[in-house]
N, C-alpha and C. Protein backbone atom coordinates (compact mmCIF):
# COMPACT_ATOMS: atom_id res chain seq x y z
N MET A 1 -32.46 13.63 11.84
CA MET A 1 -31.43 12.90 10.88
C MET A 1 -30.91 13.95 10.44
N THR A 2 -31.23 15.17 10.15
CA THR A 2 -30.64 16.35 9.64
C THR A 2 -29.34 16.62 10.66
N PHE A 3 -29.60 16.52 11.87
CA PHE A 3 -28.41 16.77 12.94
C PHE A 3 -27.28 15.70 12.85
N LYS A 4 -27.12 14.76 12.20
CA LYS A 4 -26.54 13.67 12.14
C LYS A 4 -25.40 13.84 10.78
N PHE A 5 -26.34 14.20 9.97
CA PHE A 5 -25.48 14.64 8.31
C PHE A 5 -24.59 15.60 8.50
N ILE A 6 -25.34 16.89 9.71
CA ILE A 6 -24.19 17.89 9.80
C ILE A 6 -23.11 17.61 10.23
N LEU A 7 -23.60 16.56 11.76
CA LEU A 7 -22.28 16.10 12.63
C LEU A 7 -21.27 15.64 11.90
N TYR A 8 -21.72 14.66 10.95
CA TYR A 8 -21.11 13.98 10.00
C TYR A 8 -20.04 14.64 9.14
N PHE A 9 -20.73 15.53 8.33
CA PHE A 9 -20.01 16.65 7.52
C PHE A 9 -18.75 17.63 8.55
N ALA A 10 -19.16 17.79 9.96
CA ALA A 10 -18.30 18.55 10.52
C ALA A 10 -16.69 18.07 11.03
N VAL A 11 -17.47 16.03 11.44
CA VAL A 11 -16.07 15.46 12.02
C VAL A 11 -15.48 14.84 10.68
N THR A 12 -16.17 15.18 9.32
CA THR A 12 -15.25 14.80 8.29
C THR A 12 -14.25 15.92 8.04
N ILE A 13 -14.29 16.65 8.25
CA ILE A 13 -13.25 17.98 8.47
C ILE A 13 -12.35 18.17 9.53
N ILE A 14 -13.20 17.67 10.88
CA ILE A 14 -11.88 17.53 11.59
C ILE A 14 -10.82 16.35 11.73
N VAL A 15 -11.36 14.81 10.89
CA VAL A 15 -10.72 13.97 10.88
C VAL A 15 -9.64 14.17 9.45
N ILE A 16 -10.00 14.83 8.20
CA ILE A 16 -8.99 15.37 7.51
C ILE A 16 -8.16 16.08 7.77
N TRP A 17 -8.32 17.47 9.21
CA TRP A 17 -7.59 18.04 9.16
C TRP A 17 -6.79 17.43 9.99
N THR A 18 -6.74 16.38 11.18
CA THR A 18 -6.04 16.24 12.16
C THR A 18 -5.14 14.93 11.48
N MET A 19 -5.73 13.92 10.56
CA MET A 19 -4.80 13.19 9.76
C MET A 19 -4.17 13.96 8.77
N ASP A 20 -3.98 15.17 8.15
CA ASP A 20 -3.00 15.28 7.50
C ASP A 20 -1.63 15.70 8.03
N THR A 21 -1.71 15.80 9.72
CA THR A 21 -0.40 15.80 10.28
C THR A 21 0.54 14.68 10.36
N ILE A 22 -0.34 13.35 10.21
CA ILE A 22 0.65 12.32 10.21
C ILE A 22 1.28 12.19 9.32
N ASN A 23 2.77 11.93 9.13
CA ASN A 23 3.08 11.11 7.90
C ASN A 23 3.31 9.77 7.66
N ILE A 24 2.33 9.96 6.59
CA ILE A 24 2.31 8.38 6.25
C ILE A 24 3.11 7.75 5.79
N ASN A 25 4.42 8.11 5.69
CA ASN A 25 5.49 7.43 5.26
C ASN A 25 6.29 6.76 6.09
N THR A 26 5.87 7.41 7.59
CA THR A 26 6.54 6.85 8.42
C THR A 26 6.17 5.59 9.02
N LEU A 27 4.81 5.38 8.91
CA LEU A 27 4.14 4.81 8.91
C LEU A 27 4.25 2.68 8.76
N PHE A 28 4.33 2.78 7.61
CA PHE A 28 4.32 1.40 7.16
C PHE A 28 6.27 1.25 6.44
N LYS A 29 5.92 -0.11 6.25
CA LYS A 29 7.30 -0.96 5.85
C LYS A 29 8.14 -0.07 4.44
N LYS A 30 9.11 -0.44 4.70
CA LYS A 30 9.71 -0.24 3.21
C LYS A 30 9.39 -1.34 2.31
N ASN A 31 9.16 -0.75 0.97
CA ASN A 31 9.10 -1.40 -0.44
C ASN A 31 7.32 -1.84 -0.22
N VAL A 32 6.84 -0.89 0.74
CA VAL A 32 5.14 -1.09 0.85
C VAL A 32 4.47 -0.83 -0.93
N ASN A 33 3.54 -0.98 -1.30
CA ASN A 33 3.00 -0.83 -2.59
C ASN A 33 2.28 0.21 -2.13
N PRO A 34 2.31 1.37 -2.35
CA PRO A 34 1.70 2.80 -2.47
C PRO A 34 0.27 2.76 -2.81
N LEU A 35 -0.61 2.41 -3.48
CA LEU A 35 -1.63 1.75 -3.37
C LEU A 35 -2.16 1.44 -1.95
N GLN A 36 -1.68 0.53 -1.47
CA GLN A 36 -2.25 -0.10 -0.45
C GLN A 36 -1.90 0.64 0.75
N ALA A 37 -1.11 1.45 1.00
CA ALA A 37 -0.94 2.41 1.90
C ALA A 37 -1.91 3.23 1.64
N LYS A 38 -2.19 3.72 0.77
CA LYS A 38 -3.27 5.02 0.40
C LYS A 38 -4.75 4.29 0.75
N ILE A 39 -4.81 3.01 0.56
CA ILE A 39 -6.09 2.56 0.65
C ILE A 39 -6.53 2.25 2.00
N PHE A 40 -5.42 2.20 2.87
CA PHE A 40 -5.34 1.95 4.13
C PHE A 40 -5.97 3.66 4.89
N TYR A 41 -4.80 4.11 5.07
CA TYR A 41 -5.17 5.60 4.97
C TYR A 41 -6.48 6.12 4.77
N PHE A 42 -7.05 5.88 3.61
CA PHE A 42 -8.74 6.22 3.65
C PHE A 42 -9.45 5.52 4.32
N LEU A 43 -9.15 4.14 4.66
CA LEU A 43 -9.83 3.32 5.43
C LEU A 43 -10.03 3.75 6.57
N LEU A 44 -8.94 4.34 7.28
CA LEU A 44 -8.90 4.46 8.50
C LEU A 44 -9.37 5.92 8.55
N GLY A 45 -9.01 6.54 7.63
CA GLY A 45 -10.24 7.88 7.83
C GLY A 45 -11.68 7.74 8.37
N ILE A 46 -12.10 6.52 7.09
CA ILE A 46 -13.74 6.40 7.03
C ILE A 46 -14.15 5.79 8.63
N SER A 47 -13.21 4.87 9.06
CA SER A 47 -13.64 4.28 10.17
C SER A 47 -13.72 5.46 11.44
N MET A 48 -12.80 6.22 11.56
CA MET A 48 -12.37 7.29 12.55
C MET A 48 -13.44 7.83 12.02
N ILE A 49 -14.18 8.39 11.32
CA ILE A 49 -15.04 9.71 10.95
C ILE A 49 -16.69 8.88 11.45
N TYR A 50 -16.79 7.44 11.06
CA TYR A 50 -18.11 6.78 11.52
C TYR A 50 -18.09 6.62 13.02
N LEU A 51 -16.73 6.57 13.88
CA LEU A 51 -16.90 6.21 14.92
C LEU A 51 -16.84 7.40 16.38
N VAL A 52 -16.47 8.40 15.81
CA VAL A 52 -16.50 9.71 16.21
C VAL A 52 -17.76 10.47 15.76
N THR A 53 -18.50 10.05 14.89
CA THR A 53 -20.13 10.63 15.11
C THR A 53 -20.81 10.35 15.68
N ASN A 54 -21.06 8.98 15.53
CA ASN A 54 -21.59 7.94 16.58
C ASN A 54 -21.44 7.67 17.59
N PHE A 55 -20.23 8.09 18.39
CA PHE A 55 -19.98 8.32 19.74
C PHE A 55 -20.36 9.49 20.15
N ILE A 56 -20.19 10.69 19.50
CA ILE A 56 -21.24 11.84 20.08
C ILE A 56 -22.60 12.42 19.37
N PHE A 57 -23.29 11.14 18.89
CA PHE A 57 -24.51 11.18 18.53
C PHE A 57 -24.92 10.71 19.80
N ASP A 58 -24.09 9.34 20.25
CA ASP A 58 -24.74 8.42 21.23
C ASP A 58 -24.78 9.62 22.25
N LEU A 59 -23.74 10.03 22.39
CA LEU A 59 -23.74 11.08 23.94
C LEU A 59 -24.98 11.71 23.62
N ILE A 60 -24.83 12.52 22.66
CA ILE A 60 -26.10 13.38 22.96
C ILE A 60 -27.23 12.97 23.16
N THR A 61 -27.68 11.87 22.25
CA THR A 61 -28.70 11.36 23.14
C THR A 61 -28.95 10.45 24.21
N SER A 62 -28.14 10.26 24.54
CA SER A 62 -28.46 9.60 25.93
C SER A 62 -28.20 10.80 26.97
N VAL A 63 -27.76 11.42 26.84
CA VAL A 63 -27.93 12.93 27.45
C VAL A 63 -29.28 13.71 27.67
N LYS A 64 -29.84 13.16 26.46
CA LYS A 64 -31.12 13.65 26.19
C LYS A 64 -30.78 15.58 26.14
N ILE A 65 -29.87 15.82 25.68
CA ILE A 65 -30.03 16.99 25.40
C ILE A 65 -30.49 17.49 23.67
N LEU A 66 -30.51 16.87 22.73
CA LEU A 66 -31.06 17.05 21.67
C LEU A 66 -32.88 16.62 22.12
């Protein structure tokens, strides 16, 4: 379980770093509530962290590296 926690931490840093390159203003329609855009951006980041971490963990455990 400790390995998965470390993996979550590492993937969180990578996802935040990569999502910083996206210009969020160009992704949404004009006159969109900024709070809605920020909440969507946050949920997108959380889902990316979850999906990438579980993919890497499942890949490692299925290959029997760990």
